[in-house]
Amino acid sequence: MENKSMTAVKWFFIELTRRGLPPHKEIIKCYEQAKEMEHKQIVDAWCDGVHPNKDNTVFAEQYYNETYNHVQQP
């Protein structure tokens, strides 16, 4: 069984649109920027937590993609 999760940014976007906020151009632009920020935070945290003195970016990206990538599109 795969362990797929939803990021907080994705959840927030879904809730806004579910509650009637139309996803106009500026909202989507902010959402995309927030997704990138959150992605960097998750990758950085993964790298810092595994081996802080090594470059684990490839493995961190793999972790991110396996855990969150399925929910990247709004």
PDB file of N, CA and C in Angstrom:
ATOM      1  N   MET A   1       0.842  -1.190   0.000  1.00  0.00           N
ATOM      2  CA  MET A   1       0.000   0.000   0.000  1.00  0.00           C
ATOM      3  C   MET A   1       0.882   1.246   0.000  1.00  0.00           C
ATOM      4  N   GLU A   2       0.573   2.162  -0.879  1.00  0.00           N
ATOM      5  CA  GLU A   2       1.351   3.389  -0.971  1.00  0.00           C
ATOM      6  C   GLU A   2       0.945   4.371   0.119  1.00  0.00           C
ATOM      7  N   ASN A   3       1.926   5.123   0.619  1.00  0.00           N
ATOM      8  CA  ASN A   3       1.669   6.124   1.646  1.00  0.00           C
ATOM      9  C   ASN A   3       1.654   7.499   0.985  1.00  0.00           C
ATOM     10  N   LYS A   4       0.535   7.890   0.440  1.00  0.00           N
ATOM     11  CA  LYS A   4       0.403   9.186  -0.230  1.00  0.00           C
ATOM     12  C   LYS A   4      -0.247  10.172   0.726  1.00  0.00           C
ATOM     13  N   SER A   5       0.284  11.385   0.718  1.00  0.00           N
ATOM     14  CA  SER A   5      -0.215  12.424   1.607  1.00  0.00           C
ATOM     15  C   SER A   5      -0.589  13.665   0.815  1.00  0.00           C
ATOM     16  N   MET A   6      -1.344  14.518   1.452  1.00  0.00           N
ATOM     17  CA  MET A   6      -1.709  15.794   0.863  1.00  0.00           C
ATOM     18  C   MET A   6      -0.984  16.884   1.641  1.00  0.00           C
ATOM     19  N   THR A   7      -0.365  17.798   0.925  1.00  0.00           N
ATOM     20  CA  THR A   7       0.314  18.896   1.606  1.00  0.00           C
ATOM     21  C   THR A   7      -0.722  19.878   2.154  1.00  0.00           C
ATOM     22  N   ALA A   8      -0.295  20.675   3.109  1.00  0.00           N
ATOM     23  CA  ALA A   8      -1.179  21.685   3.702  1.00  0.00           C
ATOM     24  C   ALA A   8      -1.604  22.721   2.659  1.00  0.00           C
ATOM     25  N   VAL A   9      -0.691  23.069   1.775  1.00  0.00           N
ATOM     26  CA  VAL A   9      -1.012  24.054   0.733  1.00  0.00           C
ATOM     27  C   VAL A   9      -2.097  23.509  -0.193  1.00  0.00           C
ATOM     28  N   LYS A  10      -1.969  22.254  -0.593  1.00  0.00           N
ATOM     29  CA  LYS A  10      -2.969  21.628  -1.460  1.00  0.00           C
ATOM     30  C   LYS A  10      -4.330  21.580  -0.755  1.00  0.00           C
ATOM     31  N   TRP A  11      -4.323  21.164   0.524  1.00  0.00           N
ATOM     32  CA  TRP A  11      -5.565  21.097   1.282  1.00  0.00           C
ATOM     33  C   TRP A  11      -6.234  22.467   1.350  1.00  0.00           C
ATOM     34  N   PHE A  12      -5.446  23.495   1.629  1.00  0.00           N
ATOM     35  CA  PHE A  12      -5.977  24.851   1.739  1.00  0.00           C
ATOM     36  C   PHE A  12      -6.610  25.305   0.423  1.00  0.00           C
ATOM     37  N   PHE A  13      -5.938  25.054  -0.689  1.00  0.00           N
ATOM     38  CA  PHE A  13      -6.468  25.435  -2.004  1.00  0.00           C
ATOM     39  C   PHE A  13      -7.792  24.726  -2.277  1.00  0.00           C
ATOM     40  N   ILE A  14      -7.831  23.433  -1.986  1.00  0.00           N
ATOM     41  CA  ILE A  14      -9.061  22.672  -2.200  1.00  0.00           C
ATOM     42  C   ILE A  14     -10.200  23.216  -1.342  1.00  0.00           C
ATOM     43  N   GLU A  15      -9.897  23.521  -0.085  1.00  0.00           N
ATOM     44  CA  GLU A  15     -10.925  24.054   0.802  1.00  0.00           C
ATOM     45  C   GLU A  15     -11.443  25.412   0.332  1.00  0.00           C
ATOM     46  N   LEU A  16     -10.553  26.278  -0.124  1.00  0.00           N
ATOM     47  CA  LEU A  16     -10.994  27.585  -0.633  1.00  0.00           C
ATOM     48  C   LEU A  16     -11.933  27.425  -1.812  1.00  0.00           C
ATOM     49  N   THR A  17     -11.563  26.574  -2.757  1.00  0.00           N
ATOM     50  CA  THR A  17     -12.413  26.400  -3.935  1.00  0.00           C
ATOM     51  C   THR A  17     -13.699  25.655  -3.584  1.00  0.00           C
ATOM     52  N   ARG A  18     -13.620  24.713  -2.661  1.00  0.00           N
ATOM     53  CA  ARG A  18     -14.818  23.972  -2.235  1.00  0.00           C
ATOM     54  C   ARG A  18     -15.826  24.907  -1.563  1.00  0.00           C
ATOM     55  N   ARG A  19     -15.307  25.931  -0.899  1.00  0.00           N
ATOM     56  CA  ARG A  19     -16.178  26.870  -0.189  1.00  0.00           C
ATOM     57  C   ARG A  19     -16.622  28.042  -1.050  1.00  0.00           C
ATOM     58  N   GLY A  20     -16.314  27.977  -2.342  1.00  0.00           N
ATOM     59  CA  GLY A  20     -16.865  28.950  -3.266  1.00  0.00           C
ATOM     60  C   GLY A  20     -15.923  30.016  -3.788  1.00  0.00           C
ATOM     61  N   LEU A  21     -14.664  30.031  -3.370  1.00  0.00           N
ATOM     62  CA  LEU A  21     -13.727  31.012  -3.906  1.00  0.00           C
ATOM     63  C   LEU A  21     -13.308  30.568  -5.300  1.00  0.00           C
ATOM     64  N   PRO A  22     -13.644  31.356  -6.307  1.00  0.00           N
ATOM     65  CA  PRO A  22     -13.270  30.954  -7.661  1.00  0.00           C
ATOM     66  C   PRO A  22     -11.755  31.027  -7.848  1.00  0.00           C
ATOM     67  N   PRO A  23     -11.149  29.996  -8.437  1.00  0.00           N
ATOM     68  CA  PRO A  23      -9.692  29.980  -8.613  1.00  0.00           C
ATOM     69  C   PRO A  23      -9.253  30.871  -9.775  1.00  0.00           C
ATOM     70  N   HIS A  24      -9.318  32.196  -9.563  1.00  0.00           N
ATOM     71  CA  HIS A  24      -8.921  33.100 -10.637  1.00  0.00           C
ATOM     72  C   HIS A  24      -7.393  33.183 -10.729  1.00  0.00           C
ATOM     73  N   LYS A  25      -6.912  33.910 -11.701  1.00  0.00           N
ATOM     74  CA  LYS A  25      -5.487  33.940 -12.060  1.00  0.00           C
ATOM     75  C   LYS A  25      -4.567  34.260 -10.877  1.00  0.00           C
ATOM     76  N   GLU A  26      -4.893  35.242 -10.070  1.00  0.00           N
ATOM     77  CA  GLU A  26      -4.033  35.633  -8.942  1.00  0.00           C
ATOM     78  C   GLU A  26      -4.013  34.575  -7.846  1.00  0.00           C
ATOM     79  N   ILE A  27      -5.147  33.939  -7.602  1.00  0.00           N
ATOM     80  CA  ILE A  27      -5.202  32.865  -6.606  1.00  0.00           C
ATOM     81  C   ILE A  27      -4.321  31.701  -7.054  1.00  0.00           C
ATOM     82  N   ILE A  28      -4.424  31.328  -8.310  1.00  0.00           N
ATOM     83  CA  ILE A  28      -3.623  30.222  -8.835  1.00  0.00           C
ATOM     84  C   ILE A  28      -2.141  30.577  -8.804  1.00  0.00           C
ATOM     85  N   LYS A  29      -1.804  31.813  -9.106  1.00  0.00           N
ATOM     86  CA  LYS A  29      -0.405  32.256  -9.053  1.00  0.00           C
ATOM     87  C   LYS A  29       0.143  32.128  -7.627  1.00  0.00           C
ATOM     88  N   CYS A  30      -0.624  32.563  -6.643  1.00  0.00           N
ATOM     89  CA  CYS A  30      -0.210  32.447  -5.238  1.00  0.00           C
ATOM     90  C   CYS A  30      -0.119  30.985  -4.822  1.00  0.00           C
ATOM     91  N   TYR A  31      -1.051  30.181  -5.276  1.00  0.00           N
ATOM     92  CA  TYR A  31      -1.041  28.748  -4.965  1.00  0.00           C
ATOM     93  C   TYR A  31       0.221  28.090  -5.516  1.00  0.00           C
ATOM     94  N   GLU A  32       0.574  28.385  -6.746  1.00  0.00           N
ATOM     95  CA  GLU A  32       1.770  27.808  -7.359  1.00  0.00           C
ATOM     96  C   GLU A  32       3.029  28.237  -6.594  1.00  0.00           C
ATOM     97  N   GLN A  33       3.079  29.480  -6.197  1.00  0.00           N
ATOM     98  CA  GLN A  33       4.227  29.969  -5.436  1.00  0.00           C
ATOM     99  C   GLN A  33       4.301  29.278  -4.064  1.00  0.00           C
ATOM    100  N   ALA A  34       3.175  29.122  -3.409  1.00  0.00           N
ATOM    101  CA  ALA A  34       3.143  28.450  -2.108  1.00  0.00           C
ATOM    102  C   ALA A  34       3.548  26.987  -2.237  1.00  0.00           C
ATOM    103  N   LYS A  35       3.123  26.313  -3.331  1.00  0.00           N
ATOM    104  CA  LYS A  35       3.523  24.924  -3.556  1.00  0.00           C
ATOM    105  C   LYS A  35       5.040  24.814  -3.684  1.00  0.00           C
ATOM    106  N   GLU A  36       5.650  25.734  -4.421  1.00  0.00           N
ATOM    107  CA  GLU A  36       7.102  25.715  -4.587  1.00  0.00           C
ATOM    108  C   GLU A  36       7.814  25.942  -3.251  1.00  0.00           C
ATOM    109  N   MET A  37       7.320  26.876  -2.463  1.00  0.00           N
ATOM    110  CA  MET A  37       7.913  27.149  -1.157  1.00  0.00           C
ATOM    111  C   MET A  37       7.810  25.920  -0.254  1.00  0.00           C
ATOM    112  N   GLU A  38       6.632  25.316  -0.233  1.00  0.00           N
ATOM    113  CA  GLU A  38       6.420  24.145   0.605  1.00  0.00           C
ATOM    114  C   GLU A  38       7.286  22.974   0.129  1.00  0.00           C
ATOM    115  N   HIS A  39       7.396  22.813  -1.168  1.00  0.00           N
ATOM    116  CA  HIS A  39       8.244  21.762  -1.737  1.00  0.00           C
ATOM    117  C   HIS A  39       9.681  21.941  -1.261  1.00  0.00           C
ATOM    118  N   LYS A  40      10.205  23.149  -1.348  1.00  0.00           N
ATOM    119  CA  LYS A  40      11.577  23.410  -0.912  1.00  0.00           C
ATOM    120  C   LYS A  40      11.740  23.125   0.578  1.00  0.00           C
ATOM    121  N   GLN A  41      10.766  23.516   1.378  1.00  0.00           N
ATOM    122  CA  GLN A  41      10.836  23.273   2.823  1.00  0.00           C
ATOM    123  C   GLN A  41      10.860  21.775   3.133  1.00  0.00           C
ATOM    124  N   ILE A  42      10.045  21.007   2.443  1.00  0.00           N
ATOM    125  CA  ILE A  42       9.995  19.565   2.681  1.00  0.00           C
ATOM    126  C   ILE A  42      11.308  18.909   2.259  1.00  0.00           C
ATOM    127  N   VAL A  43      11.817  19.271   1.094  1.00  0.00           N
ATOM    128  CA  VAL A  43      13.079  18.709   0.613  1.00  0.00           C
ATOM    129  C   VAL A  43      14.220  19.098   1.544  1.00  0.00           C
ATOM    130  N   ASP A  44      14.287  20.364   1.939  1.00  0.00           N
ATOM    131  CA  ASP A  44      15.345  20.812   2.853  1.00  0.00           C
ATOM    132  C   ASP A  44      15.268  20.083   4.188  1.00  0.00           C
ATOM    133  N   ALA A  45      14.071  19.916   4.715  1.00  0.00           N
ATOM    134  CA  ALA A  45      13.905  19.223   5.996  1.00  0.00           C
ATOM    135  C   ALA A  45      14.335  17.769   5.876  1.00  0.00           C
ATOM    136  N   TRP A  46      13.988  17.137   4.773  1.00  0.00           N
ATOM    137  CA  TRP A  46      14.381  15.746   4.567  1.00  0.00           C
ATOM    138  C   TRP A  46      15.900  15.642   4.516  1.00  0.00           C
ATOM    139  N   CYS A  47      16.546  16.513   3.752  1.00  0.00           N
ATOM    140  CA  CYS A  47      18.009  16.504   3.648  1.00  0.00           C
ATOM    141  C   CYS A  47      18.656  16.755   5.006  1.00  0.00           C
ATOM    142  N   ASP A  48      18.170  17.722   5.741  1.00  0.00           N
ATOM    143  CA  ASP A  48      18.734  18.048   7.060  1.00  0.00           C
ATOM    144  C   ASP A  48      18.551  16.914   8.050  1.00  0.00           C
ATOM    145  N   GLY A  49      17.472  16.185   7.913  1.00  0.00           N
ATOM    146  CA  GLY A  49      17.189  15.123   8.861  1.00  0.00           C
ATOM    147  C   GLY A  49      17.919  13.824   8.595  1.00  0.00           C
ATOM    148  N   VAL A  50      18.317  13.582   7.358  1.00  0.00           N
ATOM    149  CA  VAL A  50      18.957  12.318   7.014  1.00  0.00           C
ATOM    150  C   VAL A  50      20.460  12.384   7.252  1.00  0.00           C
ATOM    151  N   HIS A  51      21.149  13.172   6.479  1.00  0.00           N
ATOM    152  CA  HIS A  51      22.600  13.350   6.608  1.00  0.00           C
ATOM    153  C   HIS A  51      22.896  14.820   6.324  1.00  0.00           C
ATOM    154  N   PRO A  52      22.908  15.646   7.348  1.00  0.00           N
ATOM    155  CA  PRO A  52      23.069  17.089   7.145  1.00  0.00           C
ATOM    156  C   PRO A  52      24.334  17.488   6.394  1.00  0.00           C
ATOM    157  N   ASN A  53      25.360  16.675   6.418  1.00  0.00           N
ATOM    158  CA  ASN A  53      26.620  17.036   5.779  1.00  0.00           C
ATOM    159  C   ASN A  53      26.762  16.508   4.361  1.00  0.00           C
ATOM    160  N   LYS A  54      25.755  15.843   3.841  1.00  0.00           N
ATOM    161  CA  LYS A  54      25.806  15.296   2.489  1.00  0.00           C
ATOM    162  C   LYS A  54      24.718  15.933   1.641  1.00  0.00           C
ATOM    163  N   ASP A  55      24.922  15.886   0.325  1.00  0.00           N
ATOM    164  CA  ASP A  55      23.900  16.378  -0.593  1.00  0.00           C
ATOM    165  C   ASP A  55      22.943  15.234  -0.904  1.00  0.00           C
ATOM    166  N   ASN A  56      21.804  15.261  -0.287  1.00  0.00           N
ATOM    167  CA  ASN A  56      20.797  14.215  -0.460  1.00  0.00           C
ATOM    168  C   ASN A  56      19.618  14.689  -1.297  1.00  0.00           C
ATOM    169  N   THR A  57      19.830  15.698  -2.117  1.00  0.00           N
ATOM    170  CA  THR A  57      18.731  16.297  -2.862  1.00  0.00           C
ATOM    171  C   THR A  57      18.011  15.286  -3.753  1.00  0.00           C
ATOM    172  N   VAL A  58      18.756  14.420  -4.414  1.00  0.00           N
ATOM    173  CA  VAL A  58      18.127  13.433  -5.294  1.00  0.00           C
ATOM    174  C   VAL A  58      17.191  12.527  -4.495  1.00  0.00           C
ATOM    175  N   PHE A  59      17.657  12.064  -3.340  1.00  0.00           N
ATOM    176  CA  PHE A  59      16.828  11.196  -2.512  1.00  0.00           C
ATOM    177  C   PHE A  59      15.655  11.962  -1.902  1.00  0.00           C
ATOM    178  N   ALA A  60      15.889  13.217  -1.553  1.00  0.00           N
ATOM    179  CA  ALA A  60      14.813  14.044  -1.011  1.00  0.00           C
ATOM    180  C   ALA A  60      13.731  14.276  -2.059  1.00  0.00           C
ATOM    181  N   GLU A  61      14.135  14.532  -3.294  1.00  0.00           N
ATOM    182  CA  GLU A  61      13.168  14.717  -4.387  1.00  0.00           C
ATOM    183  C   GLU A  61      12.384  13.429  -4.633  1.00  0.00           C
ATOM    184  N   GLN A  62      13.070  12.291  -4.556  1.00  0.00           N
ATOM    185  CA  GLN A  62      12.399  11.009  -4.723  1.00  0.00           C
ATOM    186  C   GLN A  62      11.351  10.819  -3.629  1.00  0.00           C
ATOM    187  N   TYR A  63      11.731  11.126  -2.384  1.00  0.00           N
ATOM    188  CA  TYR A  63      10.790  11.036  -1.273  1.00  0.00           C
ATOM    189  C   TYR A  63       9.581  11.942  -1.524  1.00  0.00           C
ATOM    190  N   TYR A  64       9.844  13.176  -1.911  1.00  0.00           N
ATOM    191  CA  TYR A  64       8.759  14.130  -2.142  1.00  0.00           C
ATOM    192  C   TYR A  64       7.813  13.619  -3.231  1.00  0.00           C
ATOM    193  N   ASN A  65       8.398  13.183  -4.343  1.00  0.00           N
ATOM    194  CA  ASN A  65       7.575  12.717  -5.461  1.00  0.00           C
ATOM    195  C   ASN A  65       6.752  11.494  -5.088  1.00  0.00           C
ATOM    196  N   GLU A  66       7.348  10.565  -4.357  1.00  0.00           N
ATOM    197  CA  GLU A  66       6.610   9.366  -3.943  1.00  0.00           C
ATOM    198  C   GLU A  66       5.515   9.689  -2.938  1.00  0.00           C
ATOM    199  N   THR A  67       5.731  10.710  -2.122  1.00  0.00           N
ATOM    200  CA  THR A  67       4.782  11.021  -1.056  1.00  0.00           C
ATOM    201  C   THR A  67       3.719  12.029  -1.474  1.00  0.00           C
ATOM    202  N   TYR A  68       4.105  13.045  -2.243  1.00  0.00           N
ATOM    203  CA  TYR A  68       3.187  14.146  -2.534  1.00  0.00           C
ATOM    204  C   TYR A  68       2.886  14.391  -4.011  1.00  0.00           C
ATOM    205  N   ASN A  69       3.682  13.898  -4.907  1.00  0.00           N
ATOM    206  CA  ASN A  69       3.561  14.295  -6.305  1.00  0.00           C
ATOM    207  C   ASN A  69       2.202  14.000  -6.923  1.00  0.00           C
ATOM    208  N   HIS A  70       1.530  12.981  -6.473  1.00  0.00           N
ATOM    209  CA  HIS A  70       0.241  12.640  -7.048  1.00  0.00           C
ATOM    210  C   HIS A  70      -0.814  13.728  -6.818  1.00  0.00           C
ATOM    211  N   VAL A  71      -0.544  14.692  -5.946  1.00  0.00           N
ATOM    212  CA  VAL A  71      -1.535  15.719  -5.631  1.00  0.00           C
ATOM    213  C   VAL A  71      -1.046  17.102  -6.023  1.00  0.00           C
ATOM    214  N   GLN A  72      -0.132  17.198  -6.953  1.00  0.00           N
ATOM    215  CA  GLN A  72       0.431  18.495  -7.293  1.00  0.00           C
ATOM    216  C   GLN A  72      -0.527  19.393  -8.066  1.00  0.00           C
ATOM    217  N   GLN A  73      -1.386  18.848  -8.879  1.00  0.00           N
ATOM    218  CA  GLN A  73      -2.288  19.676  -9.667  1.00  0.00           C
ATOM    219  C   GLN A  73      -3.556  19.970  -8.898  1.00  0.00           C
ATOM    220  N   PRO A  74      -4.021  21.239  -8.945  1.00  0.00           N
ATOM    221  CA  PRO A  74      -5.280  21.571  -8.240  1.00  0.00           C
ATOM    222  C   PRO A  74      -6.485  20.936  -8.895  1.00  0.00           C
TER     223      PRO A  74
END
